Protein backbone atom coordinates (compact mmCIF):
# COMPACT_ATOMS: atom_id res chain seq x y z
CA MET A 1 7.40 -34.52 24.48
CA THR A 2 9.81 -31.85 23.99
CA ASP A 3 11.21 -29.03 26.84
CA LEU A 4 9.57 -26.57 24.73
CA GLU A 5 5.62 -27.54 25.56
CA GLY A 6 5.31 -26.51 29.14
CA ALA A 7 7.04 -23.40 29.00
CA PRO A 8 4.72 -20.04 29.46
CA SER A 9 4.54 -18.43 26.01
CA THR A 10 6.33 -15.35 25.78
CA VAL A 11 4.46 -13.66 23.02
CA ASP A 12 1.28 -11.41 24.31
CA ASP A 13 -1.52 -12.14 22.01
CA ASP A 14 -3.25 -9.16 22.68
CA VAL A 15 -1.02 -6.57 21.18
CA THR A 16 -2.22 -5.05 17.64
CA VAL A 17 -0.86 -3.98 14.67
CA GLY A 18 -2.13 -1.96 12.46
CA PHE A 19 -1.50 1.45 10.14
CA SER A 20 -1.30 4.61 12.17
CA PRO A 21 -4.84 7.26 10.65
CA LEU A 22 -2.34 9.15 8.63
CA ALA A 23 -1.20 5.35 7.00
CA MET A 24 -5.19 4.74 6.57
CA ILE A 25 -5.75 8.16 5.00
CA GLY A 26 -2.98 8.01 2.63
CA VAL A 27 -3.72 4.49 1.24
CA GLY A 28 -7.02 5.84 0.80
CA ALA A 29 -5.89 8.25 -1.06
CA VAL A 30 -3.77 6.74 -3.54
CA GLY A 31 -6.71 4.37 -4.00
CA VAL A 32 -8.92 6.72 -5.25
CA LEU A 33 -6.44 8.52 -7.28
CA GLY A 34 -5.71 5.12 -9.03
CA LEU A 35 -9.50 4.71 -9.83
CA THR A 36 -9.82 8.11 -10.99
CA TRP A 37 -7.05 7.62 -13.39
CA PHE A 38 -7.92 4.58 -14.46
CA LEU A 39 -11.69 5.90 -14.97
CA VAL A 40 -9.86 9.32 -16.98
CA SER A 41 -7.88 7.21 -19.19
CA TRP A 42 -10.64 4.60 -19.81
CA LEU A 43 -13.85 7.38 -20.26
CA VAL A 44 -12.53 10.94 -20.82
CA LEU A 45 -9.25 10.17 -23.01
CA GLY A 46 -10.98 7.04 -25.22
CA SER A 47 -7.90 4.58 -23.99
CA PRO A 48 -8.45 1.11 -24.18
CA LEU A 49 -9.40 -0.93 -21.40
CA THR A 50 -5.82 -2.96 -21.24
CA ASP A 51 -3.85 0.48 -22.08
CA ALA A 52 -5.62 1.90 -19.15
CA ILE A 53 -5.36 -0.85 -17.01
CA GLY A 54 -1.83 -0.15 -18.00
CA GLU A 55 -1.00 3.31 -17.41
CA THR A 56 -2.84 2.94 -13.73
CA VAL A 57 -0.56 -0.10 -12.91
CA GLY A 58 2.28 2.04 -14.24
CA SER A 59 1.25 5.20 -11.99
CA LEU A 60 0.64 3.25 -9.15
CA ALA A 61 3.88 2.21 -9.38
CA ALA A 62 5.69 5.25 -10.00
CA ILE A 63 3.44 6.87 -6.69
CA LEU A 64 4.68 3.59 -4.92
CA LEU A 65 8.67 4.17 -5.69
CA ILE A 66 7.96 7.97 -4.59
CA VAL A 67 6.42 6.43 -1.22
CA SER A 68 9.45 3.77 -0.82
CA ILE A 69 12.34 6.73 -1.40
CA ILE A 70 10.56 9.36 0.68
CA GLY A 71 10.52 6.51 3.75
CA ALA A 72 13.98 5.16 2.99
CA ALA A 73 15.07 9.43 3.42
CA ARG A 74 13.01 9.56 6.82
CA ALA A 75 14.61 6.24 7.96
CA SER A 76 18.21 7.20 7.58
CA ASP A 77 17.94 10.53 9.30
């Protein structure tokens, strides 16, 4: 038996952590843009499937980089 077994918990179990509504809209928009870019690249432009997937992953990585830079700039102010 340790000293902490009978100690009361200081953790609030009722607290929920989640995204703000604006963040949820942003995540949804990025998802829709990624899917749209994949379909345009694959079906409209006629790129092979693997190339379309690669283009989509690359464009989403660029979007995430931009969001990260904006977040870091906002946090530094």
